């Protein structure tokens, strides 16, 4: 959900992608923003992009070692 919002989707668009209501998206975003101590979608986008830079850890993708 956070990634979709960080990409610029509205609550309604995010809800449609995830098959939930826009109110559900809003509720989850409130919790995400509080846990991350942020107030704006732009701040969320910055955090998501930073996560993308450091994931996967140690250059290993999902399924590595199989």
PDB file of N, CA and C in Angstrom:
ATOM      1  N   UNK A   1       0.819  -1.182   0.000  1.00  0.00           N
ATOM      2  CA  UNK A   1       0.000   0.000   0.000  1.00  0.00           C
ATOM      3  C   UNK A   1       0.870   1.255   0.000  1.00  0.00           C
ATOM      4  N   UNK A   2       1.863   1.277   0.873  1.00  0.00           N
ATOM      5  CA  UNK A   2       2.735   2.449   0.960  1.00  0.00           C
ATOM      6  C   UNK A   2       3.429   2.707  -0.363  1.00  0.00           C
ATOM      7  N   UNK A   3       3.846   1.656  -1.034  1.00  0.00           N
ATOM      8  CA  UNK A   3       4.539   1.810  -2.313  1.00  0.00           C
ATOM      9  C   UNK A   3       3.605   2.435  -3.353  1.00  0.00           C
ATOM     10  N   UNK A   4       2.359   2.007  -3.405  1.00  0.00           N
ATOM     11  CA  UNK A   4       1.416   2.567  -4.379  1.00  0.00           C
ATOM     12  C   UNK A   4       1.179   4.056  -4.116  1.00  0.00           C
ATOM     13  N   UNK A   5       1.015   4.393  -2.853  1.00  0.00           N
ATOM     14  CA  UNK A   5       0.814   5.800  -2.487  1.00  0.00           C
ATOM     15  C   UNK A   5       2.073   6.602  -2.814  1.00  0.00           C
ATOM     16  N   UNK A   6       3.229   6.032  -2.517  1.00  0.00           N
ATOM     17  CA  UNK A   6       4.492   6.717  -2.799  1.00  0.00           C
ATOM     18  C   UNK A   6       4.674   6.942  -4.294  1.00  0.00           C
ATOM     19  N   UNK A   7       4.090   6.064  -5.112  1.00  0.00           N
ATOM     20  CA  UNK A   7       4.173   6.227  -6.567  1.00  0.00           C
ATOM     21  C   UNK A   7       3.218   7.288  -7.088  1.00  0.00           C
ATOM     22  N   UNK A   8       2.362   7.819  -6.207  1.00  0.00           N
ATOM     23  CA  UNK A   8       1.494   8.922  -6.598  1.00  0.00           C
ATOM     24  C   UNK A   8       0.027   8.584  -6.759  1.00  0.00           C
ATOM     25  N   UNK A   9      -0.365   7.353  -6.458  1.00  0.00           N
ATOM     26  CA  UNK A   9      -1.773   6.986  -6.583  1.00  0.00           C
ATOM     27  C   UNK A   9      -2.583   7.635  -5.465  1.00  0.00           C
ATOM     28  N   UNK A  10      -3.819   7.966  -5.770  1.00  0.00           N
ATOM     29  CA  UNK A  10      -4.726   8.506  -4.759  1.00  0.00           C
ATOM     30  C   UNK A  10      -5.210   7.367  -3.878  1.00  0.00           C
ATOM     31  N   UNK A  11      -5.903   7.717  -2.798  1.00  0.00           N
ATOM     32  CA  UNK A  11      -6.477   6.682  -1.932  1.00  0.00           C
ATOM     33  C   UNK A  11      -7.460   5.818  -2.706  1.00  0.00           C
ATOM     34  N   UNK A  12      -8.271   6.434  -3.549  1.00  0.00           N
ATOM     35  CA  UNK A  12      -9.252   5.684  -4.336  1.00  0.00           C
ATOM     36  C   UNK A  12      -8.553   4.749  -5.326  1.00  0.00           C
ATOM     37  N   UNK A  13      -7.524   5.228  -5.981  1.00  0.00           N
ATOM     38  CA  UNK A  13      -6.782   4.398  -6.940  1.00  0.00           C
ATOM     39  C   UNK A  13      -6.061   3.250  -6.239  1.00  0.00           C
ATOM     40  N   UNK A  14      -5.468   3.553  -5.091  1.00  0.00           N
ATOM     41  CA  UNK A  14      -4.790   2.516  -4.312  1.00  0.00           C
ATOM     42  C   UNK A  14      -5.795   1.468  -3.855  1.00  0.00           C
ATOM     43  N   UNK A  15      -6.938   1.921  -3.370  1.00  0.00           N
ATOM     44  CA  UNK A  15      -7.984   0.997  -2.941  1.00  0.00           C
ATOM     45  C   UNK A  15      -8.455   0.093  -4.066  1.00  0.00           C
ATOM     46  N   UNK A  16      -8.601   0.668  -5.246  1.00  0.00           N
ATOM     47  CA  UNK A  16      -9.036  -0.122  -6.399  1.00  0.00           C
ATOM     48  C   UNK A  16      -7.999  -1.188  -6.750  1.00  0.00           C
ATOM     49  N   UNK A  17      -6.723  -0.841  -6.662  1.00  0.00           N
ATOM     50  CA  UNK A  17      -5.646  -1.805  -6.943  1.00  0.00           C
ATOM     51  C   UNK A  17      -5.657  -2.957  -5.949  1.00  0.00           C
ATOM     52  N   UNK A  18      -5.979  -2.645  -4.695  1.00  0.00           N
ATOM     53  CA  UNK A  18      -5.900  -3.636  -3.619  1.00  0.00           C
ATOM     54  C   UNK A  18      -7.260  -4.233  -3.244  1.00  0.00           C
ATOM     55  N   UNK A  19      -8.309  -3.810  -3.941  1.00  0.00           N
ATOM     56  CA  UNK A  19      -9.665  -4.298  -3.691  1.00  0.00           C
ATOM     57  C   UNK A  19     -10.146  -3.974  -2.280  1.00  0.00           C
ATOM     58  N   UNK A  20      -9.826  -2.760  -1.818  1.00  0.00           N
ATOM     59  CA  UNK A  20     -10.308  -2.247  -0.542  1.00  0.00           C
ATOM     60  C   UNK A  20     -10.852  -0.848  -0.782  1.00  0.00           C
ATOM     61  N   UNK A  21     -11.541  -0.309   0.205  1.00  0.00           N
ATOM     62  CA  UNK A  21     -12.108   1.029   0.039  1.00  0.00           C
ATOM     63  C   UNK A  21     -11.046   2.107   0.256  1.00  0.00           C
ATOM     64  N   UNK A  22     -11.357   3.292  -0.240  1.00  0.00           N
ATOM     65  CA  UNK A  22     -10.467   4.436  -0.043  1.00  0.00           C
ATOM     66  C   UNK A  22     -10.348   4.753   1.448  1.00  0.00           C
ATOM     67  N   UNK A  23     -11.417   4.520   2.203  1.00  0.00           N
ATOM     68  CA  UNK A  23     -11.375   4.750   3.657  1.00  0.00           C
ATOM     69  C   UNK A  23     -10.414   3.790   4.344  1.00  0.00           C
ATOM     70  N   UNK A  24     -10.361   2.561   3.866  1.00  0.00           N
ATOM     71  CA  UNK A  24      -9.418   1.584   4.421  1.00  0.00           C
ATOM     72  C   UNK A  24      -7.992   2.038   4.155  1.00  0.00           C
ATOM     73  N   UNK A  25      -7.742   2.515   2.948  1.00  0.00           N
ATOM     74  CA  UNK A  25      -6.414   3.033   2.605  1.00  0.00           C
ATOM     75  C   UNK A  25      -6.076   4.197   3.531  1.00  0.00           C
ATOM     76  N   UNK A  26      -7.013   5.116   3.694  1.00  0.00           N
ATOM     77  CA  UNK A  26      -6.790   6.275   4.559  1.00  0.00           C
ATOM     78  C   UNK A  26      -6.450   5.845   5.986  1.00  0.00           C
ATOM     79  N   UNK A  27      -7.173   4.867   6.498  1.00  0.00           N
ATOM     80  CA  UNK A  27      -6.934   4.371   7.852  1.00  0.00           C
ATOM     81  C   UNK A  27      -5.537   3.781   7.992  1.00  0.00           C
ATOM     82  N   UNK A  28      -5.144   2.962   7.031  1.00  0.00           N
ATOM     83  CA  UNK A  28      -3.813   2.357   7.080  1.00  0.00           C
ATOM     84  C   UNK A  28      -2.721   3.412   6.922  1.00  0.00           C
ATOM     85  N   UNK A  29      -2.950   4.383   6.066  1.00  0.00           N
ATOM     86  CA  UNK A  29      -1.954   5.441   5.883  1.00  0.00           C
ATOM     87  C   UNK A  29      -1.754   6.247   7.157  1.00  0.00           C
ATOM     88  N   UNK A  30      -2.841   6.501   7.879  1.00  0.00           N
ATOM     89  CA  UNK A  30      -2.716   7.220   9.157  1.00  0.00           C
ATOM     90  C   UNK A  30      -1.777   6.458  10.093  1.00  0.00           C
ATOM     91  N   UNK A  31      -1.954   5.134  10.150  1.00  0.00           N
ATOM     92  CA  UNK A  31      -1.100   4.317  11.011  1.00  0.00           C
ATOM     93  C   UNK A  31       0.352   4.313  10.521  1.00  0.00           C
ATOM     94  N   UNK A  32       0.525   4.174   9.208  1.00  0.00           N
ATOM     95  CA  UNK A  32       1.873   4.170   8.629  1.00  0.00           C
ATOM     96  C   UNK A  32       2.570   5.498   8.909  1.00  0.00           C
ATOM     97  N   UNK A  33       1.864   6.601   8.673  1.00  0.00           N
ATOM     98  CA  UNK A  33       2.446   7.925   8.894  1.00  0.00           C
ATOM     99  C   UNK A  33       2.830   8.099  10.364  1.00  0.00           C
ATOM    100  N   UNK A  34       1.976   7.648  11.274  1.00  0.00           N
ATOM    101  CA  UNK A  34       2.263   7.788  12.709  1.00  0.00           C
ATOM    102  C   UNK A  34       3.487   6.960  13.098  1.00  0.00           C
ATOM    103  N   UNK A  35       3.575   5.730  12.616  1.00  0.00           N
ATOM    104  CA  UNK A  35       4.716   4.872  12.963  1.00  0.00           C
ATOM    105  C   UNK A  35       6.023   5.424  12.401  1.00  0.00           C
ATOM    106  N   UNK A  36       5.961   6.013  11.223  1.00  0.00           N
ATOM    107  CA  UNK A  36       7.158   6.548  10.590  1.00  0.00           C
ATOM    108  C   UNK A  36       7.428   7.998  10.987  1.00  0.00           C
ATOM    109  N   UNK A  37       6.504   8.579  11.744  1.00  0.00           N
ATOM    110  CA  UNK A  37       6.602   9.972  12.184  1.00  0.00           C
ATOM    111  C   UNK A  37       6.761  10.912  10.992  1.00  0.00           C
ATOM    112  N   UNK A  38       5.883  10.737  10.013  1.00  0.00           N
ATOM    113  CA  UNK A  38       5.862  11.613   8.844  1.00  0.00           C
ATOM    114  C   UNK A  38       4.470  12.217   8.709  1.00  0.00           C
ATOM    115  N   UNK A  39       4.368  13.261   7.897  1.00  0.00           N
ATOM    116  CA  UNK A  39       3.091  13.950   7.742  1.00  0.00           C
ATOM    117  C   UNK A  39       2.639  14.091   6.288  1.00  0.00           C
ATOM    118  N   UNK A  40       3.536  13.855   5.340  1.00  0.00           N
ATOM    119  CA  UNK A  40       3.213  14.097   3.937  1.00  0.00           C
ATOM    120  C   UNK A  40       3.543  12.885   3.074  1.00  0.00           C
ATOM    121  N   UNK A  41       2.813  12.761   1.976  1.00  0.00           N
ATOM    122  CA  UNK A  41       3.061  11.671   1.029  1.00  0.00           C
ATOM    123  C   UNK A  41       4.453  11.774   0.416  1.00  0.00           C
ATOM    124  N   UNK A  42       4.943  12.986   0.270  1.00  0.00           N
ATOM    125  CA  UNK A  42       6.287  13.188  -0.282  1.00  0.00           C
ATOM    126  C   UNK A  42       7.324  12.537   0.629  1.00  0.00           C
ATOM    127  N   UNK A  43       7.132  12.677   1.930  1.00  0.00           N
ATOM    128  CA  UNK A  43       8.052  12.048   2.881  1.00  0.00           C
ATOM    129  C   UNK A  43       8.001  10.527   2.759  1.00  0.00           C
ATOM    130  N   UNK A  44       6.813   9.986   2.549  1.00  0.00           N
ATOM    131  CA  UNK A  44       6.667   8.548   2.350  1.00  0.00           C
ATOM    132  C   UNK A  44       7.394   8.113   1.085  1.00  0.00           C
ATOM    133  N   UNK A  45       7.267   8.883   0.032  1.00  0.00           N
ATOM    134  CA  UNK A  45       7.946   8.560  -1.228  1.00  0.00           C
ATOM    135  C   UNK A  45       9.456   8.530  -1.044  1.00  0.00           C
ATOM    136  N   UNK A  46       9.995   9.470  -0.271  1.00  0.00           N
ATOM    137  CA  UNK A  46      11.442   9.502  -0.011  1.00  0.00           C
ATOM    138  C   UNK A  46      11.866   8.249   0.751  1.00  0.00           C
ATOM    139  N   UNK A  47      11.109   7.881   1.769  1.00  0.00           N
ATOM    140  CA  UNK A  47      11.454   6.696   2.554  1.00  0.00           C
ATOM    141  C   UNK A  47      11.371   5.419   1.720  1.00  0.00           C
ATOM    142  N   UNK A  48      10.364   5.317   0.876  1.00  0.00           N
ATOM    143  CA  UNK A  48      10.225   4.134   0.018  1.00  0.00           C
ATOM    144  C   UNK A  48      11.378   4.061  -0.971  1.00  0.00           C
ATOM    145  N   UNK A  49      11.778   5.200  -1.539  1.00  0.00           N
ATOM    146  CA  UNK A  49      12.893   5.183  -2.483  1.00  0.00           C
ATOM    147  C   UNK A  49      14.195   4.808  -1.785  1.00  0.00           C
ATOM    148  N   UNK A  50      14.378   5.247  -0.541  1.00  0.00           N
ATOM    149  CA  UNK A  50      15.568   4.867   0.225  1.00  0.00           C
ATOM    150  C   UNK A  50      15.569   3.369   0.509  1.00  0.00           C
ATOM    151  N   UNK A  51      14.411   2.827   0.811  1.00  0.00           N
ATOM    152  CA  UNK A  51      14.298   1.392   1.042  1.00  0.00           C
ATOM    153  C   UNK A  51      14.656   0.629  -0.231  1.00  0.00           C
ATOM    154  N   UNK A  52      14.170   1.100  -1.361  1.00  0.00           N
ATOM    155  CA  UNK A  52      14.463   0.450  -2.641  1.00  0.00           C
ATOM    156  C   UNK A  52      15.963   0.421  -2.927  1.00  0.00           C
ATOM    157  N   UNK A  53      16.673   1.478  -2.525  1.00  0.00           N
ATOM    158  CA  UNK A  53      18.115   1.545  -2.751  1.00  0.00           C
ATOM    159  C   UNK A  53      18.864   0.489  -1.954  1.00  0.00           C
ATOM    160  N   UNK A  54      18.318   0.107  -0.815  1.00  0.00           N
ATOM    161  CA  UNK A  54      19.009  -0.815   0.086  1.00  0.00           C
ATOM    162  C   UNK A  54      18.394  -2.209   0.098  1.00  0.00           C
ATOM    163  N   UNK A  55      17.494  -2.495  -0.804  1.00  0.00           N
ATOM    164  CA  UNK A  55      16.842  -3.809  -0.843  1.00  0.00           C
ATOM    165  C   UNK A  55      17.121  -4.455  -2.162  1.00  0.00           C
ATOM    166  N   UNK A  56      17.385  -5.667  -2.270  1.00  0.00           N
ATOM    167  CA  UNK A  56      17.523  -6.609  -1.158  1.00  0.00           C
ATOM    168  C   UNK A  56      18.873  -6.445  -0.474  1.00  0.00           C
ATOM    169  N   UNK A  57      18.926  -6.777   0.804  1.00  0.00           N
ATOM    170  CA  UNK A  57      20.182  -6.631   1.539  1.00  0.00           C
ATOM    171  C   UNK A  57      21.255  -7.562   0.993  1.00  0.00           C
ATOM    172  N   UNK A  58      22.468  -7.077   0.933  1.00  0.00           N
ATOM    173  CA  UNK A  58      23.621  -7.874   0.510  1.00  0.00           C
ATOM    174  C   UNK A  58      23.504  -8.377  -0.915  1.00  0.00           C
ATOM    175  N   UNK A  59      22.693  -7.701  -1.735  1.00  0.00           N
ATOM    176  CA  UNK A  59      22.598  -8.069  -3.148  1.00  0.00           C
ATOM    177  C   UNK A  59      21.902  -9.377  -3.424  1.00  0.00           C
ATOM    178  N   UNK A  60      21.186  -9.895  -2.439  1.00  0.00           N
ATOM    179  CA  UNK A  60      20.492 -11.166  -2.640  1.00  0.00           C
ATOM    180  C   UNK A  60      19.009 -10.907  -2.845  1.00  0.00           C
ATOM    181  N   UNK A  61      18.488 -11.425  -3.919  1.00  0.00           N
ATOM    182  CA  UNK A  61      17.076 -11.277  -4.207  1.00  0.00           C
ATOM    183  C   UNK A  61      16.253 -12.374  -3.582  1.00  0.00           C
ATOM    184  N   UNK A  62      14.958 -12.273  -3.751  1.00  0.00           N
ATOM    185  CA  UNK A  62      14.092 -13.327  -3.268  1.00  0.00           C
ATOM    186  C   UNK A  62      14.415 -14.612  -3.975  1.00  0.00           C
ATOM    187  N   UNK A  63      14.456 -15.669  -3.237  1.00  0.00           N
ATOM    188  CA  UNK A  63      14.746 -16.970  -3.830  1.00  0.00           C
ATOM    189  C   UNK A  63      16.218 -17.247  -4.014  1.00  0.00           C
ATOM    190  N   UNK A  64      17.063 -16.354  -3.543  1.00  0.00           N
ATOM    191  CA  UNK A  64      18.504 -16.574  -3.671  1.00  0.00           C
ATOM    192  C   UNK A  64      18.898 -17.800  -2.863  1.00  0.00           C
ATOM    193  N   UNK A  65      19.787 -18.557  -3.402  1.00  0.00           N
ATOM    194  CA  UNK A  65      20.250 -19.743  -2.694  1.00  0.00           C
ATOM    195  C   UNK A  65      19.416 -20.972  -2.974  1.00  0.00           C
ATOM    196  N   UNK A  66      18.442 -20.851  -3.840  1.00  0.00           N
ATOM    197  CA  UNK A  66      17.615 -22.018  -4.168  1.00  0.00           C
ATOM    198  C   UNK A  66      18.194 -22.770  -5.307  1.00  0.00           C
TER     199      UNK A  66
END
